[in-house]
Amino acid sequence: VSRQPVREALQLLSGEGWVDLHPGQGAFVH
């Protein structure tokens, strides 16, 4: 897929506590 749905999915995963988003670093599995 393209990066856009991945970016949106990571935001959803962050909201449910599966992924941590760190400014300047990116996304990490919780």
PDB file of all heavy atoms in Angstrom:
ATOM      1  N   VAL A   1       0.851  -1.188   0.000  1.00  0.00           N
ATOM      2  CA  VAL A   1       0.000   0.000   0.000  1.00  0.00           C
ATOM      3  C   VAL A   1       0.889   1.241   0.000  1.00  0.00           C
ATOM      4  O   VAL A   1       2.118   1.143   0.090  1.00  0.00           O
ATOM      5  CB  VAL A   1      -0.937   0.035   1.233  1.00  0.00           C
ATOM      6  CG1 VAL A   1      -1.880  -1.165   1.222  1.00  0.00           C
ATOM      7  CG2 VAL A   1      -0.120   0.055   2.530  1.00  0.00           C
ATOM      8  N   SER A   2       0.252   2.411  -0.095  1.00  0.00           N
ATOM      9  CA  SER A   2       1.012   3.648  -0.017  1.00  0.00           C
ATOM     10  C   SER A   2       1.295   3.991   1.445  1.00  0.00           C
ATOM     11  O   SER A   2       0.754   3.352   2.368  1.00  0.00           O
ATOM     12  CB  SER A   2       0.238   4.792  -0.679  1.00  0.00           C
ATOM     13  OG  SER A   2      -0.942   5.076   0.054  1.00  0.00           O
ATOM     14  N   ARG A   3       2.086   5.031   1.682  1.00  0.00           N
ATOM     15  CA  ARG A   3       2.451   5.403   3.048  1.00  0.00           C
ATOM     16  C   ARG A   3       1.283   6.035   3.801  1.00  0.00           C
ATOM     17  O   ARG A   3       1.225   5.963   5.035  1.00  0.00           O
ATOM     18  CB  ARG A   3       3.639   6.360   3.032  1.00  0.00           C
ATOM     19  CG  ARG A   3       4.939   5.711   2.579  1.00  0.00           C
ATOM     20  CD  ARG A   3       6.082   6.704   2.539  1.00  0.00           C
ATOM     21  NE  ARG A   3       6.354   7.292   3.847  1.00  0.00           N
ATOM     22  CZ  ARG A   3       7.308   8.179   4.076  1.00  0.00           C
ATOM     23  NH1 ARG A   3       8.068   8.587   3.077  1.00  0.00           N
ATOM     24  NH2 ARG A   3       7.501   8.674   5.281  1.00  0.00           N
ATOM     25  N   GLN A   4       0.345   6.674   3.077  1.00  0.00           N
ATOM     26  CA  GLN A   4      -0.735   7.389   3.747  1.00  0.00           C
ATOM     27  C   GLN A   4      -1.602   6.488   4.629  1.00  0.00           C
ATOM     28  O   GLN A   4      -1.808   6.798   5.812  1.00  0.00           O
ATOM     29  CB  GLN A   4      -1.612   8.121   2.724  1.00  0.00           C
ATOM     30  CG  GLN A   4      -2.724   8.969   3.339  1.00  0.00           C
ATOM     31  CD  GLN A   4      -2.200  10.069   4.254  1.00  0.00           C
ATOM     32  OE1 GLN A   4      -1.098  10.584   4.042  1.00  0.00           O
ATOM     33  NE2 GLN A   4      -2.949  10.413   5.284  1.00  0.00           N
ATOM     34  N   PRO A   5      -2.128   5.356   4.133  1.00  0.00           N
ATOM     35  CA  PRO A   5      -2.918   4.502   5.033  1.00  0.00           C
ATOM     36  C   PRO A   5      -2.092   3.908   6.170  1.00  0.00           C
ATOM     37  O   PRO A   5      -2.622   3.636   7.247  1.00  0.00           O
ATOM     38  CB  PRO A   5      -3.465   3.411   4.105  1.00  0.00           C
ATOM     39  CG  PRO A   5      -2.578   3.421   2.918  1.00  0.00           C
ATOM     40  CD  PRO A   5      -2.130   4.846   2.753  1.00  0.00           C
ATOM     41  N   VAL A   6      -0.801   3.707   5.940  1.00  0.00           N
ATOM     42  CA  VAL A   6       0.075   3.223   7.013  1.00  0.00           C
ATOM     43  C   VAL A   6       0.171   4.279   8.108  1.00  0.00           C
ATOM     44  O   VAL A   6       0.064   3.977   9.304  1.00  0.00           O
ATOM     45  CB  VAL A   6       1.477   2.872   6.472  1.00  0.00           C
ATOM     46  CG1 VAL A   6       2.449   2.603   7.624  1.00  0.00           C
ATOM     47  CG2 VAL A   6       1.411   1.662   5.550  1.00  0.00           C
ATOM     48  N   ARG A   7       0.373   5.533   7.693  1.00  0.00           N
ATOM     49  CA  ARG A   7       0.460   6.626   8.661  1.00  0.00           C
ATOM     50  C   ARG A   7      -0.847   6.739   9.467  1.00  0.00           C
ATOM     51  O   ARG A   7      -0.826   6.904  10.686  1.00  0.00           O
ATOM     52  CB  ARG A   7       0.755   7.934   7.936  1.00  0.00           C
ATOM     53  CG  ARG A   7       0.982   9.129   8.876  1.00  0.00           C
ATOM     54  CD  ARG A   7       1.330  10.389   8.105  1.00  0.00           C
ATOM     55  NE  ARG A   7       2.572  10.217   7.342  1.00  0.00           N
ATOM     56  CZ  ARG A   7       2.624  10.191   6.011  1.00  0.00           C
ATOM     57  NH1 ARG A   7       1.521  10.338   5.295  1.00  0.00           N
ATOM     58  NH2 ARG A   7       3.772  10.041   5.400  1.00  0.00           N
ATOM     59  N   GLU A   8      -1.982   6.622   8.778  1.00  0.00           N
ATOM     60  CA  GLU A   8      -3.280   6.706   9.460  1.00  0.00           C
ATOM     61  C   GLU A   8      -3.483   5.519  10.403  1.00  0.00           C
ATOM     62  O   GLU A   8      -4.001   5.675  11.508  1.00  0.00           O
ATOM     63  CB  GLU A   8      -4.401   6.759   8.417  1.00  0.00           C
ATOM     64  CG  GLU A   8      -4.394   8.026   7.564  1.00  0.00           C
ATOM     65  CD  GLU A   8      -5.401   7.965   6.431  1.00  0.00           C
ATOM     66  OE1 GLU A   8      -6.000   6.886   6.211  1.00  0.00           O
ATOM     67  OE2 GLU A   8      -5.602   8.991   5.757  1.00  0.00           O
ATOM     68  N   ALA A   9      -3.066   4.330   9.968  1.00  0.00           N
ATOM     69  CA  ALA A   9      -3.203   3.141  10.809  1.00  0.00           C
ATOM     70  C   ALA A   9      -2.337   3.246  12.063  1.00  0.00           C
ATOM     71  O   ALA A   9      -2.747   2.841  13.155  1.00  0.00           O
ATOM     72  CB  ALA A   9      -2.836   1.887  10.015  1.00  0.00           C
ATOM     73  N   LEU A  10      -1.138   3.806  11.926  1.00  0.00           N
ATOM     74  CA  LEU A  10      -0.253   3.975  13.084  1.00  0.00           C
ATOM     75  C   LEU A  10      -0.873   4.938  14.098  1.00  0.00           C
ATOM     76  O   LEU A  10      -0.731   4.751  15.312  1.00  0.00           O
ATOM     77  CB  LEU A  10       1.121   4.482  12.638  1.00  0.00           C
ATOM     78  CG  LEU A  10       1.984   3.481  11.858  1.00  0.00           C
ATOM     79  CD1 LEU A  10       3.271   4.140  11.388  1.00  0.00           C
ATOM     80  CD2 LEU A  10       2.290   2.247  12.699  1.00  0.00           C
ATOM     81  N   GLN A  11      -1.572   5.952  13.598  1.00  0.00           N
ATOM     82  CA  GLN A  11      -2.267   6.869  14.504  1.00  0.00           C
ATOM     83  C   GLN A  11      -3.362   6.130  15.266  1.00  0.00           C
ATOM     84  O   GLN A  11      -3.536   6.324  16.478  1.00  0.00           O
ATOM     85  CB  GLN A  11      -2.866   8.030  13.712  1.00  0.00           C
ATOM     86  CG  GLN A  11      -1.854   9.007  13.122  1.00  0.00           C
ATOM     87  CD  GLN A  11      -1.199   9.883  14.172  1.00  0.00           C
ATOM     88  OE1 GLN A  11      -1.681  10.005  15.292  1.00  0.00           O
ATOM     89  NE2 GLN A  11      -0.082  10.510  13.806  1.00  0.00           N
ATOM     90  N   LEU A  12      -4.110   5.266  14.581  1.00  0.00           N
ATOM     91  CA  LEU A  12      -5.162   4.483  15.230  1.00  0.00           C
ATOM     92  C   LEU A  12      -4.567   3.521  16.260  1.00  0.00           C
ATOM     93  O   LEU A  12      -5.094   3.369  17.368  1.00  0.00           O
ATOM     94  CB  LEU A  12      -5.958   3.693  14.187  1.00  0.00           C
ATOM     95  CG  LEU A  12      -6.794   4.510  13.188  1.00  0.00           C
ATOM     96  CD1 LEU A  12      -7.386   3.589  12.125  1.00  0.00           C
ATOM     97  CD2 LEU A  12      -7.906   5.258  13.917  1.00  0.00           C
ATOM     98  N   LEU A  13      -3.476   2.877  15.899  1.00  0.00           N
ATOM     99  CA  LEU A  13      -2.810   1.945  16.812  1.00  0.00           C
ATOM    100  C   LEU A  13      -2.277   2.671  18.036  1.00  0.00           C
ATOM    101  O   LEU A  13      -2.298   2.139  19.152  1.00  0.00           O
ATOM    102  CB  LEU A  13      -1.679   1.217  16.093  1.00  0.00           C
ATOM    103  CG  LEU A  13      -2.117   0.186  15.045  1.00  0.00           C
ATOM    104  CD1 LEU A  13      -0.952  -0.191  14.137  1.00  0.00           C
ATOM    105  CD2 LEU A  13      -2.683  -1.060  15.725  1.00  0.00           C
ATOM    106  N   SER A  14      -1.806   3.896  17.835  1.00  0.00           N
ATOM    107  CA  SER A  14      -1.331   4.701  18.958  1.00  0.00           C
ATOM    108  C   SER A  14      -2.475   5.021  19.908  1.00  0.00           C
ATOM    109  O   SER A  14      -2.323   4.962  21.133  1.00  0.00           O
ATOM    110  CB  SER A  14      -0.691   5.993  18.440  1.00  0.00           C
ATOM    111  OG  SER A  14      -0.343   6.851  19.502  1.00  0.00           O
ATOM    112  N   GLY A  15      -3.633   5.345  19.326  1.00  0.00           N
ATOM    113  CA  GLY A  15      -4.788   5.675  20.151  1.00  0.00           C
ATOM    114  C   GLY A  15      -5.267   4.517  21.013  1.00  0.00           C
ATOM    115  O   GLY A  15      -5.850   4.726  22.078  1.00  0.00           O
ATOM    116  N   GLU A  16      -4.997   3.288  20.570  1.00  0.00           N
ATOM    117  CA  GLU A  16      -5.423   2.106  21.329  1.00  0.00           C
ATOM    118  C   GLU A  16      -4.285   1.501  22.152  1.00  0.00           C
ATOM    119  O   GLU A  16      -4.445   0.433  22.737  1.00  0.00           O
ATOM    120  CB  GLU A  16      -6.006   1.059  20.382  1.00  0.00           C
ATOM    121  CG  GLU A  16      -7.289   1.529  19.713  1.00  0.00           C
ATOM    122  CD  GLU A  16      -8.064   0.403  19.071  1.00  0.00           C
ATOM    123  OE1 GLU A  16      -7.707  -0.782  19.300  1.00  0.00           O
ATOM    124  OE2 GLU A  16      -9.034   0.686  18.348  1.00  0.00           O
ATOM    125  N   GLY A  17      -3.134   2.176  22.168  1.00  0.00           N
ATOM    126  CA  GLY A  17      -2.054   1.737  23.044  1.00  0.00           C
ATOM    127  C   GLY A  17      -1.149   0.654  22.495  1.00  0.00           C
ATOM    128  O   GLY A  17      -0.319   0.104  23.222  1.00  0.00           O
ATOM    129  N   TRP A  18      -1.253   0.356  21.188  1.00  0.00           N
ATOM    130  CA  TRP A  18      -0.394  -0.673  20.597  1.00  0.00           C
ATOM    131  C   TRP A  18       0.916  -0.096  20.071  1.00  0.00           C
ATOM    132  O   TRP A  18       1.894  -0.823  19.909  1.00  0.00           O
ATOM    133  CB  TRP A  18      -1.123  -1.364  19.446  1.00  0.00           C
ATOM    134  CG  TRP A  18      -2.298  -2.172  19.866  1.00  0.00           C
ATOM    135  CD1 TRP A  18      -3.614  -1.794  19.815  1.00  0.00           C
ATOM    136  CD2 TRP A  18      -2.302  -3.498  20.402  1.00  0.00           C
ATOM    137  NE1 TRP A  18      -4.412  -2.801  20.282  1.00  0.00           N
ATOM    138  CE2 TRP A  18      -3.639  -3.864  20.650  1.00  0.00           C
ATOM    139  CE3 TRP A  18      -1.289  -4.418  20.681  1.00  0.00           C
ATOM    140  CZ2 TRP A  18      -3.988  -5.101  21.171  1.00  0.00           C
ATOM    141  CZ3 TRP A  18      -1.640  -5.648  21.206  1.00  0.00           C
ATOM    142  CH2 TRP A  18      -2.973  -5.986  21.444  1.00  0.00           C
ATOM    143  N   VAL A  19       0.911   1.194  19.779  1.00  0.00           N
ATOM    144  CA  VAL A  19       2.072   1.858  19.194  1.00  0.00           C
ATOM    145  C   VAL A  19       2.344   3.146  19.955  1.00  0.00           C
ATOM    146  O   VAL A  19       1.409   3.835  20.379  1.00  0.00           O
ATOM    147  CB  VAL A  19       1.821   2.165  17.691  1.00  0.00           C
ATOM    148  CG1 VAL A  19       2.839   3.149  17.138  1.00  0.00           C
ATOM    149  CG2 VAL A  19       1.841   0.868  16.883  1.00  0.00           C
ATOM    150  N   ASP A  20       3.620   3.459  20.155  1.00  0.00           N
ATOM    151  CA  ASP A  20       4.022   4.718  20.785  1.00  0.00           C
ATOM    152  C   ASP A  20       4.616   5.627  19.720  1.00  0.00           C
ATOM    153  O   ASP A  20       5.490   5.198  18.954  1.00  0.00           O
ATOM    154  CB  ASP A  20       5.063   4.456  21.883  1.00  0.00           C
ATOM    155  CG  ASP A  20       4.517   3.603  23.012  1.00  0.00           C
ATOM    156  OD1 ASP A  20       3.320   3.737  23.323  1.00  0.00           O
ATOM    157  OD2 ASP A  20       5.282   2.797  23.575  1.00  0.00           O
ATOM    158  N   LEU A  21       4.147   6.861  19.670  1.00  0.00           N
ATOM    159  CA  LEU A  21       4.662   7.843  18.729  1.00  0.00           C
ATOM    160  C   LEU A  21       5.562   8.817  19.468  1.00  0.00           C
ATOM    161  O   LEU A  21       5.144   9.429  20.454  1.00  0.00           O
ATOM    162  CB  LEU A  21       3.509   8.594  18.055  1.00  0.00           C
ATOM    163  CG  LEU A  21       2.498   7.739  17.273  1.00  0.00           C
ATOM    164  CD1 LEU A  21       1.395   8.609  16.692  1.00  0.00           C
ATOM    165  CD2 LEU A  21       3.201   6.959  16.162  1.00  0.00           C
ATOM    166  N   HIS A  22       6.803   8.971  19.009  1.00  0.00           N
ATOM    167  CA  HIS A  22       7.771   9.855  19.651  1.00  0.00           C
ATOM    168  C   HIS A  22       8.222  10.921  18.650  1.00  0.00           C
ATOM    169  O   HIS A  22       8.815  10.581  17.624  1.00  0.00           O
ATOM    170  CB  HIS A  22       8.983   9.066  20.149  1.00  0.00           C
ATOM    171  CG  HIS A  22       8.641   8.030  21.172  1.00  0.00           C
ATOM    172  ND1 HIS A  22       8.285   8.352  22.463  1.00  0.00           N
ATOM    173  CD2 HIS A  22       8.583   6.673  21.081  1.00  0.00           C
ATOM    174  CE1 HIS A  22       8.038   7.230  23.130  1.00  0.00           C
ATOM    175  NE2 HIS A  22       8.208   6.209  22.319  1.00  0.00           N
ATOM    176  N   PRO A  23       7.930  12.180  18.939  1.00  0.00           N
ATOM    177  CA  PRO A  23       8.346  13.258  18.034  1.00  0.00           C
ATOM    178  C   PRO A  23       9.848  13.195  17.755  1.00  0.00           C
ATOM    179  O   PRO A  23      10.649  13.049  18.672  1.00  0.00           O
ATOM    180  CB  PRO A  23       7.974  14.534  18.797  1.00  0.00           C
ATOM    181  CG  PRO A  23       6.882  14.104  19.724  1.00  0.00           C
ATOM    182  CD  PRO A  23       7.216  12.688  20.116  1.00  0.00           C
ATOM    183  N   GLY A  24      10.203  13.297  16.499  1.00  0.00           N
ATOM    184  CA  GLY A  24      11.604  13.277  16.126  1.00  0.00           C
ATOM    185  C   GLY A  24      12.188  11.895  15.975  1.00  0.00           C
ATOM    186  O   GLY A  24      13.303  11.734  15.482  1.00  0.00           O
ATOM    187  N   GLN A  25      11.438  10.878  16.404  1.00  0.00           N
ATOM    188  CA  GLN A  25      11.933   9.508  16.318  1.00  0.00           C
ATOM    189  C   GLN A  25      11.038   8.626  15.463  1.00  0.00           C
ATOM    190  O   GLN A  25      11.509   7.742  14.776  1.00  0.00           O
ATOM    191  CB  GLN A  25      12.054   8.895  17.723  1.00  0.00           C
ATOM    192  CG  GLN A  25      13.237   9.407  18.532  1.00  0.00           C
ATOM    193  CD  GLN A  25      14.537   8.769  18.090  1.00  0.00           C
ATOM    194  OE1 GLN A  25      15.011   9.014  16.985  1.00  0.00           O
ATOM    195  NE2 GLN A  25      15.131   7.954  18.949  1.00  0.00           N
ATOM    196  N   GLY A  26       9.735   8.837  15.544  1.00  0.00           N
ATOM    197  CA  GLY A  26       8.811   8.018  14.765  1.00  0.00           C
ATOM    198  C   GLY A  26       7.953   7.130  15.631  1.00  0.00           C
ATOM    199  O   GLY A  26       7.700   7.413  16.806  1.00  0.00           O
ATOM    200  N   ALA A  27       7.505   6.020  15.052  1.00  0.00           N
ATOM    201  CA  ALA A  27       6.588   5.097  15.719  1.00  0.00           C
ATOM    202  C   ALA A  27       7.330   3.836  16.166  1.00  0.00           C
ATOM    203  O   ALA A  27       8.214   3.342  15.469  1.00  0.00           O
ATOM    204  CB  ALA A  27       5.449   4.725  14.781  1.00  0.00           C
ATOM    205  N   PHE A  28       6.936   3.340  17.349  1.00  0.00           N
ATOM    206  CA  PHE A  28       7.544   2.133  17.906  1.00  0.00           C
ATOM    207  C   PHE A  28       6.438   1.245  18.470  1.00  0.00           C
ATOM    208  O   PHE A  28       5.453   1.744  19.021  1.00  0.00           O
ATOM    209  CB  PHE A  28       8.531   2.482  19.033  1.00  0.00           C
ATOM    210  CG  PHE A  28       9.712   3.290  18.577  1.00  0.00           C
ATOM    211  CD1 PHE A  28       9.599   4.660  18.374  1.00  0.00           C
ATOM    212  CD2 PHE A  28      10.936   2.680  18.343  1.00  0.00           C
ATOM    213  CE1 PHE A  28      10.682   5.416  17.952  1.00  0.00           C
ATOM    214  CE2 PHE A  28      12.029   3.431  17.918  1.00  0.00           C
ATOM    215  CZ  PHE A  28      11.899   4.793  17.717  1.00  0.00           C
ATOM    216  N   VAL A  29       6.611  -0.069  18.336  1.00  0.00           N
ATOM    217  CA  VAL A  29       5.682  -0.992  18.965  1.00  0.00           C
ATOM    218  C   VAL A  29       5.726  -0.761  20.474  1.00  0.00           C
ATOM    219  O   VAL A  29       6.811  -0.657  21.064  1.00  0.00           O
ATOM    220  CB  VAL A  29       6.037  -2.454  18.651  1.00  0.00           C
ATOM    221  CG1 VAL A  29       5.079  -3.408  19.369  1.00  0.00           C
ATOM    222  CG2 VAL A  29       5.985  -2.701  17.141  1.00  0.00           C
ATOM    223  N   HIS A  30       4.563  -0.660  21.082  1.00  0.00           N
ATOM    224  CA  HIS A  30       4.501  -0.398  22.522  1.00  0.00           C
ATOM    225  C   HIS A  30       5.178  -1.520  23.306  1.00  0.00           C
ATOM    226  O   HIS A  30       5.004  -2.700  22.998  1.00  0.00           O
ATOM    227  CB  HIS A  30       3.044  -0.281  22.960  1.00  0.00           C
ATOM    228  CG  HIS A  30       2.869  -0.061  24.429  1.00  0.00           C
ATOM    229  ND1 HIS A  30       3.339   1.064  25.080  1.00  0.00           N
ATOM    230  CD2 HIS A  30       2.282  -0.840  25.386  1.00  0.00           C
ATOM    231  CE1 HIS A  30       3.042   0.972  26.364  1.00  0.00           C
ATOM    232  NE2 HIS A  30       2.409  -0.168  26.575  1.00  0.00           N
TER     233      HIS A  30
END
